[in-house]
Amino acid sequence: MPAPNINNSNDPTRPDQIHRYQFPTRKDIRGDAYFTTEELFDVLAILWSMFGLLMKLTWCTWVALFCSTISFAHSQANDDTKEVFYSFMLSISAVVMSYLQNPQPMAFFRLCQLYLVASI
């Protein structure tokens, strides 16, 4: 069996045409204007938490925490995590501040408690 010739002219591989594989990014897959679920829920979390803080509505802050959790769940490891972290911390602080301003339970839960007490 002959030894393989390194400079074989019949070799089909071309070193100048070999490219390292890279994972496709979102821009490569869907183009430039692609709004992901993560970004949508990130913006919704910021809006709901600001609305809950300004209007002193506790249920808005809980919706913001829910949206930021969904945004965190949809984030990928190679994404920029600053926005997700900021929306998550803003929603947590909105929940804390709303309960510091008004420590009473939410109105919906008060109605459920009254219904349960009245039914007994």
C-alpha atoms as a PDB file:
ATOM      1  CA  MET A   1       0.000   0.000   0.000  1.00  0.00           C
ATOM      2  CA  PRO A   2       1.557   3.282  -1.018  1.00  0.00           C
ATOM      3  CA  ALA A   3       1.985   6.102   1.459  1.00  0.00           C
ATOM      4  CA  PRO A   4      -0.480   8.967   1.046  1.00  0.00           C
ATOM      5  CA  ASN A   5       0.940  11.841  -0.911  1.00  0.00           C
ATOM      6  CA  ILE A   6       0.369  15.193   0.819  1.00  0.00           C
ATOM      7  CA  ASN A   7       0.696  17.190  -2.378  1.00  0.00           C
ATOM      8  CA  ASN A   8      -1.683  15.034  -4.378  1.00  0.00           C
ATOM      9  CA  SER A   9      -3.233  17.048  -7.186  1.00  0.00           C
ATOM     10  CA  ASN A  10      -6.306  14.766  -7.189  1.00  0.00           C
ATOM     11  CA  ASP A  11      -7.222  15.770  -3.639  1.00  0.00           C
ATOM     12  CA  PRO A  12     -10.793  17.191  -3.772  1.00  0.00           C
ATOM     13  CA  THR A  13     -10.437  19.341  -0.650  1.00  0.00           C
ATOM     14  CA  ARG A  14      -9.383  22.912  -1.168  1.00  0.00           C
ATOM     15  CA  PRO A  15      -7.882  24.561   1.929  1.00  0.00           C
ATOM     16  CA  ASP A  16      -8.870  28.021   0.746  1.00  0.00           C
ATOM     17  CA  GLN A  17     -12.557  26.940   0.588  1.00  0.00           C
ATOM     18  CA  ILE A  18     -12.780  25.481   4.106  1.00  0.00           C
ATOM     19  CA  HIS A  19     -14.843  27.641   6.466  1.00  0.00           C
ATOM     20  CA  ARG A  20     -15.444  27.068  10.142  1.00  0.00           C
ATOM     21  CA  TYR A  21     -19.108  26.455  11.033  1.00  0.00           C
ATOM     22  CA  GLN A  22     -20.808  29.195  13.028  1.00  0.00           C
ATOM     23  CA  PHE A  23     -24.264  29.005  14.532  1.00  0.00           C
ATOM     24  CA  PRO A  24     -26.728  31.149  12.602  1.00  0.00           C
ATOM     25  CA  THR A  25     -27.849  34.282  14.384  1.00  0.00           C
ATOM     26  CA  ARG A  26     -31.374  35.646  14.386  1.00  0.00           C
ATOM     27  CA  LYS A  27     -30.351  38.252  11.856  1.00  0.00           C
ATOM     28  CA  ASP A  28     -29.122  35.512   9.520  1.00  0.00           C
ATOM     29  CA  ILE A  29     -32.302  33.480   9.913  1.00  0.00           C
ATOM     30  CA  ARG A  30     -35.078  36.051   9.601  1.00  0.00           C
ATOM     31  CA  GLY A  31     -33.488  39.281   8.467  1.00  0.00           C
ATOM     32  CA  ASP A  32     -32.939  42.582  10.199  1.00  0.00           C
ATOM     33  CA  ALA A  33     -36.406  43.444  11.529  1.00  0.00           C
ATOM     34  CA  TYR A  34     -37.105  40.439  13.724  1.00  0.00           C
ATOM     35  CA  PHE A  35     -38.826  41.030  17.052  1.00  0.00           C
ATOM     36  CA  THR A  36     -38.474  37.976  19.274  1.00  0.00           C
ATOM     37  CA  THR A  37     -40.703  36.723  22.057  1.00  0.00           C
ATOM     38  CA  GLU A  38     -37.973  37.569  24.536  1.00  0.00           C
ATOM     39  CA  GLU A  39     -37.814  41.191  23.409  1.00  0.00           C
ATOM     40  CA  LEU A  40     -41.596  41.514  23.344  1.00  0.00           C
ATOM     41  CA  PHE A  41     -42.054  40.267  26.898  1.00  0.00           C
ATOM     42  CA  ASP A  42     -39.054  42.316  27.993  1.00  0.00           C
ATOM     43  CA  VAL A  43     -40.728  45.512  26.790  1.00  0.00           C
ATOM     44  CA  LEU A  44     -44.080  44.428  28.230  1.00  0.00           C
ATOM     45  CA  ALA A  45     -42.463  43.776  31.625  1.00  0.00           C
ATOM     46  CA  ILE A  46     -40.947  47.243  31.672  1.00  0.00           C
ATOM     47  CA  LEU A  47     -44.217  48.883  30.650  1.00  0.00           C
ATOM     48  CA  TRP A  48     -46.349  46.964  33.152  1.00  0.00           C
ATOM     49  CA  SER A  49     -43.933  47.590  36.013  1.00  0.00           C
ATOM     50  CA  MET A  50     -43.766  51.326  35.286  1.00  0.00           C
ATOM     51  CA  PHE A  51     -47.544  51.485  34.982  1.00  0.00           C
ATOM     52  CA  GLY A  52     -47.935  49.571  38.234  1.00  0.00           C
ATOM     53  CA  LEU A  53     -45.511  51.861  40.035  1.00  0.00           C
ATOM     54  CA  LEU A  54     -47.083  55.063  38.750  1.00  0.00           C
ATOM     55  CA  MET A  55     -50.726  54.036  39.189  1.00  0.00           C
ATOM     56  CA  LYS A  56     -50.112  52.040  42.409  1.00  0.00           C
ATOM     57  CA  LEU A  57     -51.742  48.924  40.979  1.00  0.00           C
ATOM     58  CA  THR A  58     -50.415  45.712  42.461  1.00  0.00           C
ATOM     59  CA  TRP A  59     -51.805  43.423  39.767  1.00  0.00           C
ATOM     60  CA  CYS A  60     -49.847  45.339  37.101  1.00  0.00           C
ATOM     61  CA  THR A  61     -46.611  44.656  38.921  1.00  0.00           C
ATOM     62  CA  TRP A  62     -47.447  40.953  39.137  1.00  0.00           C
ATOM     63  CA  VAL A  63     -48.131  40.896  35.390  1.00  0.00           C
ATOM     64  CA  ALA A  64     -44.752  42.584  34.899  1.00  0.00           C
ATOM     65  CA  LEU A  65     -43.045  39.908  36.979  1.00  0.00           C
ATOM     66  CA  PHE A  66     -44.805  37.226  34.926  1.00  0.00           C
ATOM     67  CA  CYS A  67     -43.695  38.865  31.643  1.00  0.00           C
ATOM     68  CA  SER A  68     -40.096  39.225  32.809  1.00  0.00           C
ATOM     69  CA  THR A  69     -40.056  35.551  33.832  1.00  0.00           C
ATOM     70  CA  ILE A  70     -41.246  34.579  30.347  1.00  0.00           C
ATOM     71  CA  SER A  71     -38.586  36.830  28.849  1.00  0.00           C
ATOM     72  CA  PHE A  72     -35.935  35.148  30.981  1.00  0.00           C
ATOM     73  CA  ALA A  73     -37.186  31.710  29.994  1.00  0.00           C
ATOM     74  CA  HIS A  74     -36.985  32.546  26.285  1.00  0.00           C
ATOM     75  CA  SER A  75     -33.514  34.083  26.440  1.00  0.00           C
ATOM     76  CA  GLN A  76     -30.599  32.220  24.949  1.00  0.00           C
ATOM     77  CA  ALA A  77     -27.117  31.809  26.356  1.00  0.00           C
ATOM     78  CA  ASN A  78     -25.470  33.896  23.628  1.00  0.00           C
ATOM     79  CA  ASP A  79     -27.898  36.830  23.969  1.00  0.00           C
ATOM     80  CA  ASP A  80     -27.211  40.058  25.807  1.00  0.00           C
ATOM     81  CA  THR A  81     -28.612  39.475  29.288  1.00  0.00           C
ATOM     82  CA  LYS A  82     -28.572  43.080  30.513  1.00  0.00           C
ATOM     83  CA  GLU A  83     -32.062  43.924  29.267  1.00  0.00           C
ATOM     84  CA  VAL A  84     -33.570  40.764  30.730  1.00  0.00           C
ATOM     85  CA  PHE A  85     -31.829  41.373  34.039  1.00  0.00           C
ATOM     86  CA  TYR A  86     -32.969  45.003  34.194  1.00  0.00           C
ATOM     87  CA  SER A  87     -36.594  44.170  33.412  1.00  0.00           C
ATOM     88  CA  PHE A  88     -36.569  41.350  35.972  1.00  0.00           C
ATOM     89  CA  MET A  89     -35.114  43.591  38.688  1.00  0.00           C
ATOM     90  CA  LEU A  90     -37.500  46.412  37.786  1.00  0.00           C
ATOM     91  CA  SER A  91     -40.511  44.122  38.059  1.00  0.00           C
ATOM     92  CA  ILE A  92     -39.336  42.711  41.394  1.00  0.00           C
ATOM     93  CA  SER A  93     -38.753  46.197  42.747  1.00  0.00           C
ATOM     94  CA  ALA A  94     -42.182  47.256  41.452  1.00  0.00           C
ATOM     95  CA  VAL A  95     -43.843  44.404  43.358  1.00  0.00           C
ATOM     96  CA  VAL A  96     -41.933  45.297  46.532  1.00  0.00           C
ATOM     97  CA  MET A  97     -42.683  49.015  46.209  1.00  0.00           C
ATOM     98  CA  SER A  98     -46.360  48.424  45.510  1.00  0.00           C
ATOM     99  CA  TYR A  99     -46.697  46.366  48.689  1.00  0.00           C
ATOM    100  CA  LEU A 100     -44.703  48.922  50.669  1.00  0.00           C
ATOM    101  CA  GLN A 101     -47.104  51.646  49.529  1.00  0.00           C
ATOM    102  CA  ASN A 102     -50.220  49.563  50.186  1.00  0.00           C
ATOM    103  CA  PRO A 103     -49.687  46.412  52.289  1.00  0.00           C
ATOM    104  CA  GLN A 104     -53.305  45.277  51.837  1.00  0.00           C
ATOM    105  CA  PRO A 105     -53.923  42.274  49.587  1.00  0.00           C
ATOM    106  CA  MET A 106     -55.098  42.879  46.047  1.00  0.00           C
ATOM    107  CA  ALA A 107     -58.781  43.706  45.568  1.00  0.00           C
ATOM    108  CA  PHE A 108     -59.453  40.460  43.691  1.00  0.00           C
ATOM    109  CA  PHE A 109     -58.199  38.412  46.622  1.00  0.00           C
ATOM    110  CA  ARG A 110     -60.249  40.493  49.039  1.00  0.00           C
ATOM    111  CA  LEU A 111     -63.358  39.769  46.973  1.00  0.00           C
ATOM    112  CA  CYS A 112     -62.538  36.058  47.000  1.00  0.00           C
ATOM    113  CA  GLN A 113     -62.068  36.155  50.761  1.00  0.00           C
ATOM    114  CA  LEU A 114     -65.411  37.915  51.235  1.00  0.00           C
ATOM    115  CA  TYR A 115     -67.112  35.380  48.991  1.00  0.00           C
ATOM    116  CA  LEU A 116     -65.607  32.483  50.921  1.00  0.00           C
ATOM    117  CA  VAL A 117     -66.577  33.998  54.273  1.00  0.00           C
ATOM    118  CA  ALA A 118     -70.115  34.729  53.043  1.00  0.00           C
ATOM    119  CA  SER A 119     -70.556  31.208  51.690  1.00  0.00           C
ATOM    120  CA  ILE A 120     -69.634  29.650  55.040  1.00  0.00           C
END
